[in-house]
Amino acid sequence: MRLGVSLGYVAGGGVHDSVALAQEADRLGYSVAWAAEAYGSDSPTVLSWVAAKTETIDVGSAVMQIPARTPATTAMTAATLDMLSGGRFRLGVGVSGPQVSEGWHGVRFDRPLARTREYVEIVRMALERQTVAYDGSEFTLPLPDGAGKPLRLSVHPVRERVPVYLAAVGPRNLRLAGEIADGWLAIFFSPEYAADLLGDVDTGLATSGRKRDTFDVAASVPVVIGDDVAACAEPLRANAALYVGGMGSREQNFYNRLACRMGFADAAREVQDLYLDRRHREAMAAVPLEFIDQTSLIGPKERIMERLQAYHDAGVTTLNVATHARTQEARVQTLRTMAEVLDASGLGE
């Protein structure tokens, strides 16, 4: 198992804190620093800054939104970041959700699986410096009956193959990740429920003739260290309520469906009802402690080490630490403690 750090979304002057966090992770031997985007800061700009300020740690997009960019733009950005970082870039992509796709980018949230498949195929063609000509149901390059012609990427990524990760939650998307991607960006990963999720990934891997040892299961895991487990869960309630209750409409919320599949259907419905009714504090309080505990690392170091073993045994190969400490000093200390815990556990590479 390797450690990564989830820098999350960057707001205000937070980019400097994110860079400092990535620099500490770099010093500690973490394998990758991931930056996210929604409808605020974009991940490539943040990652270019992080890459310029670090030495050996990989930088990854978690994610670059598929509706925000053409496949060619994503390939250009990936190639540029790989060059600027000296071959340290990992490309994570995802379709986002209908609210962001249609409300922010003006792109219909139709046929997300087909769109993702074709998008990744075109990006790979471009990064491999093939002449890009594509005739699919979602993308056609060049456009027919026009002045366009097939083109080839004019720059060379450092890596022969830039790793592509897919953010996936639902069963069909998990199978697609196993089939077409080099890794899976997981959120709300529960070791207790992992067999069902990774079973879908394995089905996709079998379709592409690969085995799990060729695939990176990269789970973003919130970490809060302290003596009182329930108290450690409190800073995580807002994020859990946002995703389970408010990330999408009542009819289309992938995280709510995941919580239901994990056995929290009644609580997931209550959280969603409260959140959509703008009763956010009540929604936070309604998130079960068991759900937070299953999908996070909370409590004393000894307890976290035990849970780390569960993540390892469940199949996680990169555990991305999402620290929710209140101060920068505490966030840095969380990274240090997690490095110590991994070393003491004997689970690291």
Protein backbone atom coordinates (compact mmCIF):
# COMPACT_ATOMS: atom_id res chain seq x y z
CA MET A 1 0.00 0.00 0.00
CA ARG A 2 1.11 3.53 -0.84
CA LEU A 3 -0.02 6.85 0.62
CA GLY A 4 -1.30 9.81 -1.35
CA VAL A 5 -2.67 13.15 -0.20
CA SER A 6 -6.00 14.62 -1.28
CA LEU A 7 -5.64 18.38 -1.54
CA GLY A 8 -9.33 18.74 -2.36
CA TYR A 9 -10.71 22.02 -3.64
CA VAL A 10 -8.65 25.19 -3.27
CA ALA A 11 -10.35 28.40 -2.14
CA GLY A 12 -8.98 31.86 -1.46
CA GLY A 13 -5.36 31.76 -0.39
CA GLY A 14 -5.61 28.03 0.24
CA VAL A 15 -3.31 27.19 -2.67
CA HIS A 16 -0.33 28.10 -0.51
CA ASP A 17 -1.50 25.71 2.22
CA SER A 18 -2.08 23.03 -0.42
CA VAL A 19 1.44 23.49 -1.78
CA ALA A 20 2.90 23.28 1.73
CA LEU A 21 0.90 20.10 2.35
CA ALA A 22 2.11 18.57 -0.92
CA GLN A 23 5.69 19.53 -0.09
CA GLU A 24 5.46 17.77 3.27
CA ALA A 25 3.92 14.72 1.61
CA ASP A 26 6.79 14.78 -0.90
CA ARG A 27 9.33 14.85 1.93
CA LEU A 28 7.57 11.97 3.68
CA GLY A 29 7.62 9.76 0.59
CA TYR A 30 3.93 9.95 -0.36
CA SER A 31 3.34 8.74 -3.89
CA VAL A 32 0.86 11.31 -5.24
CA ALA A 33 -0.92 14.59 -4.50
CA TRP A 34 -4.41 14.98 -5.98
CA ALA A 35 -6.32 18.20 -6.67
CA ALA A 36 -10.07 18.36 -7.30
CA GLU A 37 -12.39 20.68 -9.18
CA ALA A 38 -16.13 21.37 -9.14
CA TYR A 39 -17.17 24.91 -10.05
CA GLY A 40 -14.38 26.85 -8.34
CA SER A 41 -10.65 26.34 -8.73
CA ASP A 42 -9.63 24.10 -11.61
CA SER A 43 -7.34 21.15 -10.98
CA PRO A 44 -4.71 21.63 -13.76
CA THR A 45 -3.74 25.14 -12.62
CA VAL A 46 -3.37 24.02 -9.00
CA LEU A 47 -1.37 20.96 -10.06
CA SER A 48 1.03 23.01 -12.18
CA TRP A 49 1.80 25.12 -9.10
CA VAL A 50 2.19 22.03 -6.90
CA ALA A 51 4.43 20.32 -9.46
CA ALA A 52 6.68 23.38 -9.63
CA LYS A 53 7.12 23.35 -5.85
CA THR A 54 7.77 19.61 -5.36
CA GLU A 55 10.46 17.17 -6.43
CA THR A 56 9.39 13.53 -6.66
CA ILE A 57 5.72 13.19 -5.71
CA ASP A 58 3.28 12.55 -8.56
CA VAL A 59 0.51 15.08 -9.18
CA GLY A 60 -2.95 13.92 -10.17
CA SER A 61 -6.31 15.35 -11.17
CA ALA A 62 -9.16 14.04 -9.07
CA VAL A 63 -10.78 14.87 -11.33
CA MET A 64 -10.69 16.82 -14.57
CA GLN A 65 -14.35 17.05 -15.53
CA ILE A 66 -15.28 15.44 -18.83
CA PRO A 67 -18.04 17.95 -19.69
CA ALA A 68 -15.65 20.87 -19.07
CA ARG A 69 -13.15 20.06 -21.83
CA THR A 70 -12.95 18.43 -25.21
CA PRO A 71 -10.91 15.21 -25.26
CA ALA A 72 -8.20 17.02 -27.23
CA THR A 73 -7.95 19.78 -24.62
CA THR A 74 -7.62 17.21 -21.86
CA ALA A 75 -4.89 15.40 -23.79
CA MET A 76 -3.03 18.68 -24.36
CA THR A 77 -3.29 19.58 -20.69
CA ALA A 78 -2.18 16.11 -19.57
CA ALA A 79 0.80 16.15 -21.91
CA THR A 80 1.81 19.64 -20.77
CA LEU A 81 1.55 18.77 -17.08
CA ASP A 82 3.52 15.58 -17.66
CA MET A 83 6.27 17.58 -19.37
CA LEU A 84 6.35 20.35 -16.77
CA SER A 85 6.45 17.86 -13.89
CA GLY A 86 9.12 15.65 -15.42
CA GLY A 87 6.80 12.69 -15.94
CA ARG A 88 4.85 12.89 -12.68
CA PHE A 89 1.28 13.48 -13.90
CA ARG A 90 -1.70 11.16 -13.42
CA LEU A 91 -4.92 11.94 -15.28
CA GLY A 92 -8.11 11.37 -13.33
CA VAL A 93 -11.35 12.06 -15.20
CA GLY A 94 -15.05 11.81 -14.43
CA VAL A 95 -18.40 12.92 -15.82
CA SER A 96 -19.27 14.96 -12.70
CA GLY A 97 -23.05 15.09 -12.12
CA PRO A 98 -26.08 16.50 -13.91
CA GLN A 99 -26.22 19.70 -11.86
CA VAL A 100 -22.64 20.71 -12.68
CA SER A 101 -22.60 19.28 -16.20
CA GLU A 102 -25.82 20.94 -17.31
CA GLY A 103 -25.94 23.92 -14.95
CA TRP A 104 -22.31 25.02 -15.11
CA HIS A 105 -20.90 23.64 -18.37
CA GLY A 106 -24.08 23.54 -20.45
CA VAL A 107 -23.48 19.93 -21.46
CA ARG A 108 -26.34 17.46 -21.33
CA PHE A 109 -25.81 14.63 -18.87
CA ASP A 110 -26.73 12.02 -21.44
CA ARG A 111 -25.18 8.59 -21.96
CA PRO A 112 -22.36 9.15 -19.41
CA LEU A 113 -20.86 5.68 -19.89
CA ALA A 114 -20.64 5.95 -23.66
CA ARG A 115 -19.28 9.49 -23.38
CA THR A 116 -16.62 8.39 -20.89
CA ARG A 117 -15.53 5.42 -22.98
CA GLU A 118 -15.12 7.44 -26.16
CA TYR A 119 -13.52 10.35 -24.31
CA VAL A 120 -10.82 8.14 -22.79
CA GLU A 121 -10.20 6.43 -26.13
CA ILE A 122 -9.59 9.78 -27.84
CA VAL A 123 -7.41 11.08 -25.00
CA ARG A 124 -5.27 7.93 -25.16
CA MET A 125 -4.94 8.20 -28.94
CA ALA A 126 -3.74 11.76 -28.61
CA LEU A 127 -1.31 11.06 -25.75
CA GLU A 128 0.14 8.16 -27.74
CA ARG A 129 0.67 10.70 -30.56
CA GLN A 130 -1.53 8.90 -33.01
CA THR A 131 -3.19 10.91 -35.74
CA VAL A 132 -6.63 11.41 -34.22
CA ALA A 133 -9.55 10.40 -36.37
CA TYR A 134 -12.61 9.11 -34.51
CA ASP A 135 -16.14 8.19 -35.50
CA GLY A 136 -18.23 7.45 -32.43
CA SER A 137 -21.74 8.00 -31.16
CA GLU A 138 -20.61 10.86 -28.89
CA PHE A 139 -17.57 12.32 -30.65
CA THR A 140 -16.62 12.68 -34.32
CA LEU A 141 -13.16 13.94 -35.25
CA PRO A 142 -12.69 15.66 -37.60
CA LEU A 143 -16.19 17.00 -38.13
CA PRO A 144 -17.63 15.67 -41.40
CA ASP A 145 -18.00 17.89 -44.46
CA GLY A 146 -15.85 20.64 -42.96
CA ALA A 147 -12.38 22.12 -43.18
CA GLY A 148 -10.93 20.05 -40.33
CA LYS A 149 -8.35 17.35 -40.83
CA PRO A 150 -6.93 14.64 -38.54
CA LEU A 151 -4.16 16.04 -36.35
CA ARG A 152 -1.47 14.66 -34.09
CA LEU A 153 -0.35 16.05 -30.72
CA SER A 154 2.70 18.18 -31.40
CA VAL A 155 4.37 17.73 -28.00
CA HIS A 156 5.74 14.63 -26.30
CA PRO A 157 4.66 13.58 -22.79
CA VAL A 158 7.55 12.27 -20.70
CA ARG A 159 5.78 9.02 -19.89
CA GLU A 160 5.14 6.57 -22.65
CA ARG A 161 1.74 6.00 -21.05
CA VAL A 162 0.20 8.68 -18.84
CA PRO A 163 -1.87 6.79 -16.22
CA VAL A 164 -5.60 7.35 -16.58
CA TYR A 165 -7.89 7.01 -13.56
CA LEU A 166 -11.67 6.97 -13.56
CA ALA A 167 -13.83 8.38 -10.78
CA ALA A 168 -16.65 5.87 -10.48
CA VAL A 169 -19.44 5.05 -8.03
CA GLY A 170 -22.12 2.97 -9.75
CA PRO A 171 -21.73 -0.68 -10.81
CA ARG A 172 -21.61 -0.05 -14.57
CA ASN A 173 -19.11 2.77 -14.18
CA LEU A 174 -16.96 0.56 -11.94
CA ARG A 175 -16.94 -2.12 -14.62
CA LEU A 176 -15.97 0.54 -17.16
CA ALA A 177 -13.10 1.69 -14.92
CA GLY A 178 -11.76 -1.85 -14.76
CA GLU A 179 -12.04 -2.19 -18.52
CA ILE A 180 -10.50 1.07 -19.77
CA ALA A 181 -8.56 2.76 -16.94
CA ASP A 182 -5.29 2.26 -15.08
CA GLY A 183 -6.90 2.99 -11.74
CA TRP A 184 -10.08 3.80 -9.85
CA LEU A 185 -10.56 6.99 -7.82
CA ALA A 186 -12.83 5.84 -5.00
CA ILE A 187 -14.79 7.92 -2.53
CA PHE A 188 -16.70 6.69 0.54
CA PHE A 189 -14.78 3.43 0.26
CA SER A 190 -15.80 0.96 2.95
CA PRO A 191 -13.64 -2.15 3.50
CA GLU A 192 -16.79 -3.91 4.70
CA TYR A 193 -18.49 -3.30 1.34
CA ALA A 194 -15.40 -3.47 -0.87
CA ALA A 195 -16.00 -6.96 -2.25
CA ASP A 196 -19.13 -5.85 -4.09
CA LEU A 197 -17.47 -2.75 -5.55
CA LEU A 198 -14.26 -4.48 -6.57
CA GLY A 199 -16.23 -7.36 -7.99
CA ASP A 200 -17.52 -4.94 -10.61
CA VAL A 201 -13.99 -3.63 -11.22
CA ASP A 202 -12.74 -7.19 -11.64
CA THR A 203 -15.44 -7.88 -14.22
CA GLY A 204 -14.16 -4.93 -16.24
CA LEU A 205 -10.56 -6.03 -15.82
CA ALA A 206 -11.44 -9.50 -17.11
CA THR A 207 -13.07 -7.93 -20.16
CA SER A 208 -9.79 -6.20 -20.98
CA GLY A 209 -7.72 -9.31 -20.21
CA ARG A 210 -6.03 -7.85 -17.13
CA LYS A 211 -5.69 -8.74 -13.47
CA ARG A 212 -6.02 -6.63 -10.33
CA ASP A 213 -2.25 -6.35 -9.82
CA THR A 214 -2.10 -4.11 -12.91
CA PHE A 215 -4.71 -1.73 -11.50
CA ASP A 216 -4.46 0.99 -8.82
CA VAL A 217 -7.34 1.17 -6.34
CA ALA A 218 -6.88 4.75 -5.10
CA ALA A 219 -9.31 5.54 -2.29
CA SER A 220 -9.75 9.01 -0.82
CA VAL A 221 -10.13 8.45 2.93
CA PRO A 222 -10.88 11.21 5.47
CA VAL A 223 -8.51 11.04 8.44
CA VAL A 224 -9.07 12.60 11.88
CA ILE A 225 -6.79 11.47 14.72
CA GLY A 226 -7.83 11.74 18.36
CA ASP A 227 -8.83 9.82 21.46
CA ASP A 228 -12.62 10.10 21.06
CA VAL A 229 -13.98 8.33 17.96
CA ALA A 230 -17.32 10.14 17.98
CA ALA A 231 -15.61 13.51 18.37
CA CYS A 232 -13.28 12.70 15.47
CA ALA A 233 -16.33 12.00 13.31
CA GLU A 234 -17.85 15.44 13.86
CA PRO A 235 -15.67 17.36 11.34
CA LEU A 236 -16.65 14.81 8.68
CA ARG A 237 -20.41 15.18 9.02
CA ALA A 238 -20.70 18.26 6.80
CA ASN A 239 -18.93 16.59 3.86
CA ALA A 240 -20.90 13.36 4.23
CA ALA A 241 -24.20 15.23 4.41
CA LEU A 242 -23.30 17.32 1.35
CA TYR A 243 -22.53 14.27 -0.79
CA VAL A 244 -25.21 11.90 0.45
CA GLY A 245 -27.88 14.59 0.74
CA GLY A 246 -27.12 17.41 -1.62
CA MET A 247 -24.73 16.30 -4.38
CA GLY A 248 -27.28 15.97 -7.14
CA SER A 249 -31.03 15.90 -7.35
CA ARG A 250 -33.31 13.54 -5.47
CA GLU A 251 -33.50 11.35 -8.55
CA GLN A 252 -29.80 11.50 -9.48
CA ASN A 253 -27.45 11.33 -6.52
CA PHE A 254 -24.82 8.62 -7.02
CA TYR A 255 -23.47 8.94 -3.47
CA ASN A 256 -26.91 8.54 -1.95
CA ARG A 257 -27.39 5.37 -3.98
CA LEU A 258 -24.02 4.11 -2.79
CA ALA A 259 -24.99 4.68 0.85
CA CYS A 260 -28.21 2.77 0.20
CA ARG A 261 -26.30 -0.14 -1.33
CA MET A 262 -24.03 -0.15 1.70
CA GLY A 263 -27.02 -0.78 3.97
CA PHE A 264 -27.80 2.78 5.06
CA ALA A 265 -30.93 3.29 2.96
CA ASP A 266 -33.17 4.72 5.70
CA ALA A 267 -30.49 7.11 6.94
CA ALA A 268 -29.56 8.13 3.38
CA ARG A 269 -33.16 9.07 2.61
CA GLU A 270 -33.44 11.05 5.85
CA VAL A 271 -30.19 12.91 5.20
CA GLN A 272 -31.30 13.74 1.68
CA ASP A 273 -34.75 14.91 2.78
CA LEU A 274 -33.25 17.20 5.40
CA TYR A 275 -30.52 18.53 3.13
CA LEU A 276 -32.81 19.31 0.23
CA ASP A 277 -35.14 21.02 2.70
CA ARG A 278 -32.14 23.23 3.61
CA ARG A 279 -31.99 21.84 7.13
CA HIS A 280 -28.26 21.27 6.80
CA ARG A 281 -27.36 20.97 10.47
CA GLU A 282 -30.04 18.36 10.99
CA ALA A 283 -28.83 16.52 7.90
CA MET A 284 -25.32 16.47 9.35
CA ALA A 285 -26.60 15.10 12.63
CA ALA A 286 -28.55 12.39 10.79
CA VAL A 287 -25.44 10.89 9.17
CA PRO A 288 -24.84 7.63 11.06
CA LEU A 289 -21.59 7.38 12.99
CA GLU A 290 -21.24 3.86 11.57
CA PHE A 291 -21.26 5.24 8.00
CA ILE A 292 -18.52 7.74 8.82
CA ASP A 293 -16.51 5.11 10.68
CA GLN A 294 -16.73 2.63 7.79
CA THR A 295 -15.57 5.18 5.22
CA SER A 296 -12.93 7.07 7.26
CA LEU A 297 -9.94 6.61 9.51
CA ILE A 298 -10.89 8.12 12.87
CA GLY A 299 -9.72 7.71 16.44
CA PRO A 300 -6.39 6.92 18.14
CA LYS A 301 -3.32 5.85 16.17
CA GLU A 302 -3.69 2.23 17.29
CA ARG A 303 -7.26 2.06 16.02
CA ILE A 304 -6.29 3.70 12.74
CA MET A 305 -3.55 1.12 12.25
CA GLU A 306 -6.11 -1.68 12.66
CA ARG A 307 -8.41 -0.04 10.13
CA LEU A 308 -5.48 0.51 7.76
CA GLN A 309 -5.07 -3.26 7.70
CA ALA A 310 -8.73 -3.57 6.69
CA TYR A 311 -8.23 -1.17 3.78
CA HIS A 312 -5.16 -3.09 2.67
CA ASP A 313 -6.94 -6.43 2.89
CA ALA A 314 -9.92 -5.01 0.99
CA GLY A 315 -7.69 -4.19 -1.99
CA VAL A 316 -6.73 -0.52 -1.63
CA THR A 317 -3.31 0.05 -3.18
CA THR A 318 -3.13 3.84 -2.77
CA LEU A 319 -4.77 5.35 0.29
CA ASN A 320 -5.22 9.07 -0.27
CA VAL A 321 -5.24 10.92 3.03
CA ALA A 322 -7.91 13.63 3.17
CA THR A 323 -7.04 15.48 6.34
CA HIS A 324 -9.87 17.41 8.00
CA ALA A 325 -7.82 18.97 10.77
CA ARG A 326 -8.67 22.61 11.50
CA THR A 327 -5.18 24.13 11.30
CA GLN A 328 -2.36 23.79 8.80
CA GLU A 329 -0.04 22.58 11.55
CA ALA A 330 -2.51 19.84 12.46
CA ARG A 331 -2.96 18.86 8.81
CA VAL A 332 0.79 18.49 8.39
CA GLN A 333 0.95 16.44 11.58
CA THR A 334 -1.78 14.15 10.23
CA LEU A 335 0.37 13.40 7.17
CA ARG A 336 3.35 12.65 9.42
CA THR A 337 1.31 10.40 11.69
CA MET A 338 -0.12 8.46 8.75
CA ALA A 339 3.40 7.89 7.39
CA GLU A 340 4.44 6.60 10.82
CA VAL A 341 1.37 4.36 11.05
CA LEU A 342 1.96 2.87 7.59
CA ASP A 343 5.62 2.24 8.41
CA ALA A 344 4.78 0.61 11.73
CA SER A 345 2.07 -1.54 10.15
CA GLY A 346 4.45 -3.16 7.67
CA LEU A 347 1.88 -2.68 4.90
CA GLY A 348 3.86 -0.17 2.87
CA GLU A 349 5.89 -0.89 -0.22
